[in-house]
Amino acid sequence: MIEGEGLAKVPTEKELIDQLGSVYLFEGLSEKDLKALIGRASEVEHSAGHKIVTEGRGGVGFHLILEGHAQVLVHEQSRGWLGPGDYFGEMSLIDGQPRSATVRSDTPVRTLSMTSWDFQPLLDDPVITKKLLLGVCKRLRSAEGVSQS
């Protein structure tokens, strides 16, 4: 990405497959499965300062950051940063509850986004489900550490 000029060119399908295959959640999926995932998802561009998801609002989407950086906010307090390869929205996919945090783009951000009904078939894969649960556990432990300090 060239600074000051927004997002780089839209990646090819091959580049997306390579990028997705390197994300922990999707490691080990076949190229065929990665192509199917891409086929169910949409690339979305967000300008700097845009609230991609808002705490307390309903959530029906899963988002994987392809490019750019975003800040995670809980009650308007910074809780961390996300960048390429990071994802969010999985908790709402699992429990159907409102968003537990706001994610605001710090730079222009490109995400690969999926609705809950498009993501549901992935939850049939026990490897992906286990990785999602491990990710949720990691975030809960991190949040507990923040709240205890």
N, C-alpha and C. Protein backbone atom coordinates (compact mmCIF):
# COMPACT_ATOMS: atom_id res chain seq x y z
N MET A 1 0.84 -1.17 0.00
CA MET A 1 0.00 0.00 0.00
C MET A 1 0.89 1.23 0.00
N ILE A 2 0.56 2.20 -0.82
CA ILE A 2 1.30 3.45 -0.88
C ILE A 2 0.66 4.43 0.09
N GLU A 3 1.44 4.96 1.03
CA GLU A 3 0.90 5.83 2.05
C GLU A 3 0.23 7.04 1.42
N GLY A 4 -0.94 7.38 1.94
CA GLY A 4 -1.66 8.55 1.46
C GLY A 4 -2.53 8.30 0.25
N GLU A 5 -2.44 7.13 -0.34
CA GLU A 5 -3.22 6.85 -1.53
C GLU A 5 -4.29 5.79 -1.30
N GLY A 6 -4.59 5.47 -0.04
CA GLY A 6 -5.64 4.51 0.24
C GLY A 6 -5.16 3.09 0.09
N LEU A 7 -6.07 2.23 -0.36
CA LEU A 7 -5.78 0.80 -0.45
C LEU A 7 -5.07 0.46 -1.75
N ALA A 8 -4.29 -0.61 -1.69
CA ALA A 8 -3.61 -1.11 -2.88
C ALA A 8 -4.63 -1.74 -3.82
N LYS A 9 -4.16 -2.25 -4.92
CA LYS A 9 -5.07 -2.87 -5.90
C LYS A 9 -5.81 -4.05 -5.29
N VAL A 10 -6.96 -4.35 -5.85
CA VAL A 10 -7.76 -5.49 -5.40
C VAL A 10 -6.98 -6.77 -5.69
N PRO A 11 -6.84 -7.65 -4.68
CA PRO A 11 -6.06 -8.88 -4.90
C PRO A 11 -6.77 -9.84 -5.85
N THR A 12 -5.97 -10.62 -6.55
CA THR A 12 -6.52 -11.66 -7.42
C THR A 12 -7.04 -12.80 -6.55
N GLU A 13 -7.79 -13.72 -7.16
CA GLU A 13 -8.29 -14.87 -6.41
C GLU A 13 -7.13 -15.68 -5.84
N LYS A 14 -6.07 -15.85 -6.61
CA LYS A 14 -4.90 -16.60 -6.15
C LYS A 14 -4.27 -15.91 -4.93
N GLU A 15 -4.16 -14.58 -4.99
CA GLU A 15 -3.60 -13.84 -3.86
C GLU A 15 -4.49 -13.98 -2.62
N LEU A 16 -5.81 -13.94 -2.82
CA LEU A 16 -6.74 -14.13 -1.71
C LEU A 16 -6.61 -15.52 -1.11
N ILE A 17 -6.50 -16.53 -1.98
CA ILE A 17 -6.34 -17.91 -1.50
C ILE A 17 -5.07 -18.03 -0.67
N ASP A 18 -3.97 -17.46 -1.16
CA ASP A 18 -2.70 -17.50 -0.42
C ASP A 18 -2.83 -16.78 0.93
N GLN A 19 -3.49 -15.61 0.91
CA GLN A 19 -3.65 -14.83 2.13
C GLN A 19 -4.53 -15.57 3.14
N LEU A 20 -5.65 -16.10 2.68
CA LEU A 20 -6.55 -16.83 3.58
C LEU A 20 -5.88 -18.09 4.12
N GLY A 21 -5.13 -18.77 3.28
CA GLY A 21 -4.46 -20.00 3.71
C GLY A 21 -3.42 -19.76 4.78
N SER A 22 -2.94 -18.51 4.89
CA SER A 22 -1.93 -18.20 5.90
C SER A 22 -2.56 -17.70 7.21
N VAL A 23 -3.87 -17.53 7.23
CA VAL A 23 -4.57 -17.10 8.45
C VAL A 23 -4.81 -18.33 9.33
N TYR A 24 -4.48 -18.22 10.60
CA TYR A 24 -4.58 -19.35 11.53
C TYR A 24 -5.91 -20.08 11.42
N LEU A 25 -7.00 -19.33 11.38
CA LEU A 25 -8.33 -19.93 11.36
C LEU A 25 -8.54 -20.86 10.17
N PHE A 26 -7.93 -20.52 9.04
CA PHE A 26 -8.17 -21.28 7.81
C PHE A 26 -7.00 -22.14 7.37
N GLU A 27 -5.93 -22.19 8.18
CA GLU A 27 -4.79 -23.05 7.84
C GLU A 27 -5.26 -24.48 7.69
N GLY A 28 -4.76 -25.14 6.69
CA GLY A 28 -5.10 -26.55 6.50
C GLY A 28 -6.29 -26.78 5.60
N LEU A 29 -7.04 -25.72 5.27
CA LEU A 29 -8.14 -25.90 4.32
C LEU A 29 -7.57 -26.11 2.93
N SER A 30 -8.23 -26.92 2.15
CA SER A 30 -7.79 -27.16 0.78
C SER A 30 -8.04 -25.92 -0.07
N GLU A 31 -7.37 -25.85 -1.21
CA GLU A 31 -7.58 -24.74 -2.13
C GLU A 31 -9.05 -24.68 -2.56
N LYS A 32 -9.65 -25.85 -2.75
CA LYS A 32 -11.07 -25.92 -3.12
C LYS A 32 -11.94 -25.28 -2.04
N ASP A 33 -11.67 -25.60 -0.77
CA ASP A 33 -12.44 -25.03 0.34
C ASP A 33 -12.21 -23.52 0.46
N LEU A 34 -10.97 -23.09 0.24
CA LEU A 34 -10.68 -21.66 0.30
C LEU A 34 -11.41 -20.91 -0.82
N LYS A 35 -11.46 -21.51 -2.01
CA LYS A 35 -12.21 -20.90 -3.12
C LYS A 35 -13.69 -20.80 -2.78
N ALA A 36 -14.23 -21.83 -2.16
CA ALA A 36 -15.64 -21.82 -1.76
C ALA A 36 -15.89 -20.72 -0.73
N LEU A 37 -14.96 -20.56 0.19
CA LEU A 37 -15.05 -19.51 1.21
C LEU A 37 -15.07 -18.13 0.55
N ILE A 38 -14.16 -17.91 -0.37
CA ILE A 38 -14.09 -16.64 -1.08
C ILE A 38 -15.38 -16.39 -1.86
N GLY A 39 -15.93 -17.46 -2.44
CA GLY A 39 -17.17 -17.33 -3.19
C GLY A 39 -18.36 -16.91 -2.35
N ARG A 40 -18.33 -17.22 -1.05
CA ARG A 40 -19.42 -16.84 -0.14
C ARG A 40 -19.21 -15.47 0.48
N ALA A 41 -18.01 -14.95 0.38
CA ALA A 41 -17.66 -13.70 1.05
C ALA A 41 -17.70 -12.51 0.09
N SER A 42 -17.68 -11.33 0.67
CA SER A 42 -17.63 -10.09 -0.10
C SER A 42 -16.45 -9.26 0.39
N GLU A 43 -15.74 -8.65 -0.55
CA GLU A 43 -14.69 -7.71 -0.17
C GLU A 43 -15.36 -6.36 0.06
N VAL A 44 -15.03 -5.75 1.20
CA VAL A 44 -15.62 -4.46 1.55
C VAL A 44 -14.49 -3.50 1.91
N GLU A 45 -14.56 -2.28 1.36
CA GLU A 45 -13.57 -1.26 1.68
C GLU A 45 -14.19 -0.26 2.66
N HIS A 46 -13.42 0.08 3.69
CA HIS A 46 -13.86 1.01 4.72
C HIS A 46 -12.86 2.16 4.77
N SER A 47 -13.36 3.39 4.80
CA SER A 47 -12.47 4.55 4.88
C SER A 47 -11.95 4.69 6.31
N ALA A 48 -10.85 5.41 6.46
CA ALA A 48 -10.28 5.64 7.79
C ALA A 48 -11.31 6.33 8.67
N GLY A 49 -11.41 5.88 9.92
CA GLY A 49 -12.35 6.47 10.87
C GLY A 49 -13.74 5.85 10.85
N HIS A 50 -13.99 4.92 9.94
CA HIS A 50 -15.30 4.28 9.81
C HIS A 50 -15.48 3.21 10.89
N LYS A 51 -16.67 3.19 11.52
CA LYS A 51 -16.99 2.11 12.47
C LYS A 51 -17.48 0.92 11.66
N ILE A 52 -16.65 -0.11 11.59
CA ILE A 52 -16.99 -1.31 10.83
C ILE A 52 -18.09 -2.07 11.55
N VAL A 53 -17.96 -2.22 12.86
CA VAL A 53 -19.03 -2.76 13.70
C VAL A 53 -19.12 -1.87 14.94
N THR A 54 -20.32 -1.83 15.53
CA THR A 54 -20.56 -0.96 16.67
C THR A 54 -21.03 -1.76 17.88
N GLU A 55 -20.37 -1.54 18.99
CA GLU A 55 -20.70 -2.21 20.25
C GLU A 55 -22.19 -2.04 20.57
N GLY A 56 -22.82 -3.14 20.97
CA GLY A 56 -24.21 -3.11 21.37
C GLY A 56 -25.21 -3.31 20.24
N ARG A 57 -24.76 -3.17 19.02
CA ARG A 57 -25.66 -3.37 17.88
C ARG A 57 -25.66 -4.83 17.48
N GLY A 58 -26.72 -5.23 16.80
CA GLY A 58 -26.82 -6.60 16.30
C GLY A 58 -25.70 -6.88 15.32
N GLY A 59 -25.30 -8.12 15.28
CA GLY A 59 -24.22 -8.49 14.38
C GLY A 59 -24.54 -9.74 13.60
N VAL A 60 -24.41 -9.66 12.31
CA VAL A 60 -24.65 -10.84 11.48
C VAL A 60 -23.44 -11.16 10.61
N GLY A 61 -22.32 -10.50 10.85
CA GLY A 61 -21.19 -10.70 9.96
C GLY A 61 -19.89 -11.06 10.65
N PHE A 62 -19.06 -11.75 9.89
CA PHE A 62 -17.70 -12.12 10.27
C PHE A 62 -16.79 -11.33 9.33
N HIS A 63 -15.74 -10.73 9.86
CA HIS A 63 -14.86 -9.89 9.06
C HIS A 63 -13.40 -10.32 9.24
N LEU A 64 -12.71 -10.47 8.15
CA LEU A 64 -11.28 -10.77 8.14
C LEU A 64 -10.58 -9.58 7.50
N ILE A 65 -9.63 -8.99 8.19
CA ILE A 65 -8.91 -7.84 7.64
C ILE A 65 -7.88 -8.33 6.63
N LEU A 66 -8.03 -7.85 5.40
CA LEU A 66 -7.08 -8.17 4.34
C LEU A 66 -5.98 -7.12 4.26
N GLU A 67 -6.36 -5.87 4.54
CA GLU A 67 -5.41 -4.77 4.40
C GLU A 67 -5.85 -3.63 5.31
N GLY A 68 -4.89 -2.95 5.92
CA GLY A 68 -5.19 -1.81 6.78
C GLY A 68 -5.19 -2.20 8.25
N HIS A 69 -5.51 -1.21 9.09
CA HIS A 69 -5.49 -1.42 10.54
C HIS A 69 -6.72 -0.80 11.18
N ALA A 70 -7.18 -1.43 12.25
CA ALA A 70 -8.37 -0.97 12.96
C ALA A 70 -8.15 -1.07 14.46
N GLN A 71 -8.89 -0.25 15.18
CA GLN A 71 -8.80 -0.22 16.64
C GLN A 71 -10.04 -0.88 17.22
N VAL A 72 -9.84 -1.65 18.30
CA VAL A 72 -10.95 -2.29 19.02
C VAL A 72 -11.25 -1.43 20.24
N LEU A 73 -12.53 -1.05 20.39
CA LEU A 73 -12.95 -0.19 21.49
C LEU A 73 -14.09 -0.86 22.26
N VAL A 74 -13.99 -0.82 23.59
CA VAL A 74 -15.07 -1.28 24.45
C VAL A 74 -15.40 -0.11 25.37
N HIS A 75 -16.65 0.34 25.35
CA HIS A 75 -17.07 1.52 26.10
C HIS A 75 -16.16 2.71 25.77
N GLU A 76 -15.82 2.85 24.49
CA GLU A 76 -14.97 3.93 23.96
C GLU A 76 -13.53 3.89 24.47
N GLN A 77 -13.13 2.82 25.13
CA GLN A 77 -11.76 2.65 25.60
C GLN A 77 -11.04 1.67 24.68
N SER A 78 -9.83 2.03 24.27
CA SER A 78 -9.06 1.17 23.37
C SER A 78 -8.72 -0.15 24.05
N ARG A 79 -8.95 -1.25 23.34
CA ARG A 79 -8.63 -2.58 23.85
C ARG A 79 -7.63 -3.31 22.96
N GLY A 80 -7.22 -2.66 21.87
CA GLY A 80 -6.23 -3.29 21.02
C GLY A 80 -6.37 -2.88 19.58
N TRP A 81 -5.52 -3.47 18.76
CA TRP A 81 -5.45 -3.15 17.34
C TRP A 81 -5.54 -4.43 16.52
N LEU A 82 -6.10 -4.31 15.34
CA LEU A 82 -6.20 -5.42 14.41
C LEU A 82 -5.54 -5.03 13.10
N GLY A 83 -4.96 -6.01 12.43
CA GLY A 83 -4.32 -5.77 11.14
C GLY A 83 -4.56 -6.95 10.21
N PRO A 84 -3.86 -6.96 9.09
CA PRO A 84 -4.06 -8.04 8.12
C PRO A 84 -3.93 -9.42 8.76
N GLY A 85 -4.93 -10.28 8.48
CA GLY A 85 -4.96 -11.63 9.03
C GLY A 85 -5.78 -11.74 10.30
N ASP A 86 -6.08 -10.60 10.93
CA ASP A 86 -6.92 -10.63 12.13
C ASP A 86 -8.39 -10.65 11.72
N TYR A 87 -9.22 -11.20 12.58
CA TYR A 87 -10.65 -11.28 12.28
C TYR A 87 -11.46 -10.91 13.51
N PHE A 88 -12.73 -10.56 13.26
CA PHE A 88 -13.64 -10.21 14.34
C PHE A 88 -15.07 -10.50 13.88
N GLY A 89 -15.97 -10.55 14.85
CA GLY A 89 -17.36 -10.84 14.55
C GLY A 89 -17.74 -12.28 14.81
N GLU A 90 -16.77 -13.11 15.18
CA GLU A 90 -17.06 -14.54 15.36
C GLU A 90 -17.95 -14.79 16.57
N MET A 91 -17.85 -13.96 17.60
CA MET A 91 -18.68 -14.19 18.78
C MET A 91 -20.16 -14.02 18.46
N SER A 92 -20.49 -12.99 17.68
CA SER A 92 -21.90 -12.80 17.29
C SER A 92 -22.39 -13.93 16.40
N LEU A 93 -21.48 -14.49 15.60
CA LEU A 93 -21.86 -15.64 14.77
C LEU A 93 -22.23 -16.84 15.64
N ILE A 94 -21.49 -17.01 16.72
CA ILE A 94 -21.69 -18.17 17.58
C ILE A 94 -22.92 -18.01 18.46
N ASP A 95 -23.08 -16.84 19.11
CA ASP A 95 -24.17 -16.72 20.09
C ASP A 95 -25.33 -15.82 19.66
N GLY A 96 -25.21 -15.13 18.53
CA GLY A 96 -26.30 -14.29 18.05
C GLY A 96 -26.55 -13.04 18.87
N GLN A 97 -25.66 -12.73 19.80
CA GLN A 97 -25.82 -11.57 20.67
C GLN A 97 -25.27 -10.30 20.00
N PRO A 98 -25.62 -9.12 20.53
CA PRO A 98 -25.08 -7.87 19.98
C PRO A 98 -23.55 -7.83 20.08
N ARG A 99 -22.97 -6.95 19.30
CA ARG A 99 -21.50 -6.80 19.28
C ARG A 99 -20.97 -6.45 20.67
N SER A 100 -19.86 -7.06 21.04
CA SER A 100 -19.25 -6.80 22.34
C SER A 100 -18.23 -5.67 22.28
N ALA A 101 -17.93 -5.19 21.08
CA ALA A 101 -16.94 -4.12 20.91
C ALA A 101 -17.22 -3.36 19.62
N THR A 102 -16.66 -2.16 19.55
CA THR A 102 -16.66 -1.39 18.32
C THR A 102 -15.32 -1.63 17.65
N VAL A 103 -15.32 -1.80 16.34
CA VAL A 103 -14.08 -1.88 15.58
C VAL A 103 -14.11 -0.72 14.60
N ARG A 104 -13.14 0.19 14.76
CA ARG A 104 -13.07 1.40 13.94
C ARG A 104 -11.77 1.39 13.13
N SER A 105 -11.91 1.63 11.83
CA SER A 105 -10.72 1.63 10.97
C SER A 105 -9.84 2.83 11.30
N ASP A 106 -8.56 2.57 11.46
CA ASP A 106 -7.58 3.61 11.73
C ASP A 106 -7.00 4.13 10.42
N THR A 107 -6.94 3.25 9.45
CA THR A 107 -6.47 3.56 8.09
C THR A 107 -7.56 3.05 7.16
N PRO A 108 -7.45 3.30 5.86
CA PRO A 108 -8.38 2.59 4.97
C PRO A 108 -8.20 1.08 5.21
N VAL A 109 -9.32 0.36 5.27
CA VAL A 109 -9.30 -1.07 5.58
C VAL A 109 -10.10 -1.82 4.53
N ARG A 110 -9.56 -2.95 4.09
CA ARG A 110 -10.30 -3.86 3.21
C ARG A 110 -10.55 -5.14 4.01
N THR A 111 -11.82 -5.55 4.06
CA THR A 111 -12.17 -6.78 4.76
C THR A 111 -12.79 -7.78 3.80
N LEU A 112 -12.67 -9.03 4.15
CA LEU A 112 -13.43 -10.10 3.52
C LEU A 112 -14.52 -10.40 4.54
N SER A 113 -15.76 -10.15 4.16
CA SER A 113 -16.87 -10.23 5.11
C SER A 113 -17.88 -11.28 4.69
N MET A 114 -18.43 -11.96 5.69
CA MET A 114 -19.42 -13.01 5.45
C MET A 114 -20.57 -12.86 6.43
N THR A 115 -21.77 -13.12 5.95
CA THR A 115 -22.93 -13.14 6.83
C THR A 115 -22.93 -14.44 7.63
N SER A 116 -23.72 -14.48 8.68
CA SER A 116 -23.76 -15.68 9.52
C SER A 116 -24.26 -16.88 8.72
N TRP A 117 -25.22 -16.68 7.82
CA TRP A 117 -25.74 -17.81 7.05
C TRP A 117 -24.73 -18.30 6.02
N ASP A 118 -23.83 -17.43 5.56
CA ASP A 118 -22.76 -17.87 4.67
C ASP A 118 -21.63 -18.56 5.43
N PHE A 119 -21.43 -18.14 6.69
CA PHE A 119 -20.35 -18.70 7.50
C PHE A 119 -20.74 -20.04 8.11
N GLN A 120 -22.02 -20.26 8.30
CA GLN A 120 -22.52 -21.45 9.00
C GLN A 120 -21.93 -22.77 8.48
N PRO A 121 -21.83 -22.98 7.15
CA PRO A 121 -21.26 -24.25 6.68
C PRO A 121 -19.82 -24.49 7.18
N LEU A 122 -19.06 -23.41 7.43
CA LEU A 122 -17.70 -23.57 7.94
C LEU A 122 -17.71 -24.16 9.35
N LEU A 123 -18.77 -23.87 10.11
CA LEU A 123 -18.85 -24.38 11.48
C LEU A 123 -19.08 -25.88 11.53
N ASP A 124 -19.43 -26.46 10.38
CA ASP A 124 -19.56 -27.92 10.31
C ASP A 124 -18.20 -28.61 10.28
N ASP A 125 -17.14 -27.83 10.04
CA ASP A 125 -15.77 -28.36 10.03
C ASP A 125 -15.23 -28.29 11.46
N PRO A 126 -15.00 -29.44 12.11
CA PRO A 126 -14.56 -29.41 13.51
C PRO A 126 -13.23 -28.69 13.71
N VAL A 127 -12.36 -28.70 12.72
CA VAL A 127 -11.07 -28.02 12.86
C VAL A 127 -11.30 -26.51 12.95
N ILE A 128 -12.14 -25.96 12.08
CA ILE A 128 -12.43 -24.53 12.11
C ILE A 128 -13.15 -24.16 13.40
N THR A 129 -14.12 -24.98 13.80
CA THR A 129 -14.87 -24.70 15.03
C THR A 129 -13.92 -24.67 16.23
N LYS A 130 -13.00 -25.62 16.30
CA LYS A 130 -12.05 -25.64 17.42
C LYS A 130 -11.17 -24.39 17.40
N LYS A 131 -10.70 -23.99 16.22
CA LYS A 131 -9.87 -22.79 16.12
C LYS A 131 -10.65 -21.55 16.53
N LEU A 132 -11.92 -21.47 16.14
CA LEU A 132 -12.76 -20.34 16.56
C LEU A 132 -12.87 -20.29 18.08
N LEU A 133 -13.14 -21.45 18.69
CA LEU A 133 -13.28 -21.50 20.14
C LEU A 133 -11.97 -21.14 20.85
N LEU A 134 -10.84 -21.60 20.32
CA LEU A 134 -9.55 -21.23 20.90
C LEU A 134 -9.32 -19.73 20.80
N GLY A 135 -9.72 -19.14 19.66
CA GLY A 135 -9.60 -17.69 19.49
C GLY A 135 -10.46 -16.93 20.48
N VAL A 136 -11.68 -17.39 20.69
CA VAL A 136 -12.58 -16.75 21.66
C VAL A 136 -11.99 -16.87 23.07
N CYS A 137 -11.46 -18.04 23.42
CA CYS A 137 -10.84 -18.23 24.73
C CYS A 137 -9.66 -17.27 24.92
N LYS A 138 -8.85 -17.13 23.90
CA LYS A 138 -7.69 -16.23 23.96
C LYS A 138 -8.15 -14.80 24.22
N ARG A 139 -9.21 -14.38 23.51
CA ARG A 139 -9.72 -13.01 23.71
C ARG A 139 -10.31 -12.83 25.10
N LEU A 140 -11.00 -13.84 25.61
CA LEU A 140 -11.56 -13.74 26.96
C LEU A 140 -10.46 -13.64 28.00
N ARG A 141 -9.42 -14.46 27.85
CA ARG A 141 -8.31 -14.40 28.80
C ARG A 141 -7.62 -13.04 28.73
N SER A 142 -7.47 -12.52 27.53
CA SER A 142 -6.85 -11.21 27.35
C SER A 142 -7.71 -10.13 28.01
N ALA A 143 -9.03 -10.21 27.83
CA ALA A 143 -9.94 -9.23 28.43
C ALA A 143 -9.91 -9.33 29.95
N GLU A 144 -9.82 -10.55 30.48
CA GLU A 144 -9.73 -10.73 31.93
C GLU A 144 -8.46 -10.09 32.46
N GLY A 145 -7.37 -10.23 31.72
CA GLY A 145 -6.11 -9.62 32.12
C GLY A 145 -6.20 -8.11 32.14
N VAL A 146 -6.91 -7.54 31.16
CA VAL A 146 -7.08 -6.10 31.10
C VAL A 146 -7.95 -5.62 32.25
N SER A 147 -9.04 -6.34 32.54
CA SER A 147 -9.97 -5.91 33.58
C SER A 147 -9.39 -6.10 34.98
N GLN A 148 -8.42 -7.01 35.13
CA GLN A 148 -7.83 -7.26 36.44
C GLN A 148 -6.71 -6.28 36.76
N SER A 149 -6.22 -5.59 35.75
CA SER A 149 -5.09 -4.69 36.01
C SER A 149 -5.54 -3.30 36.36
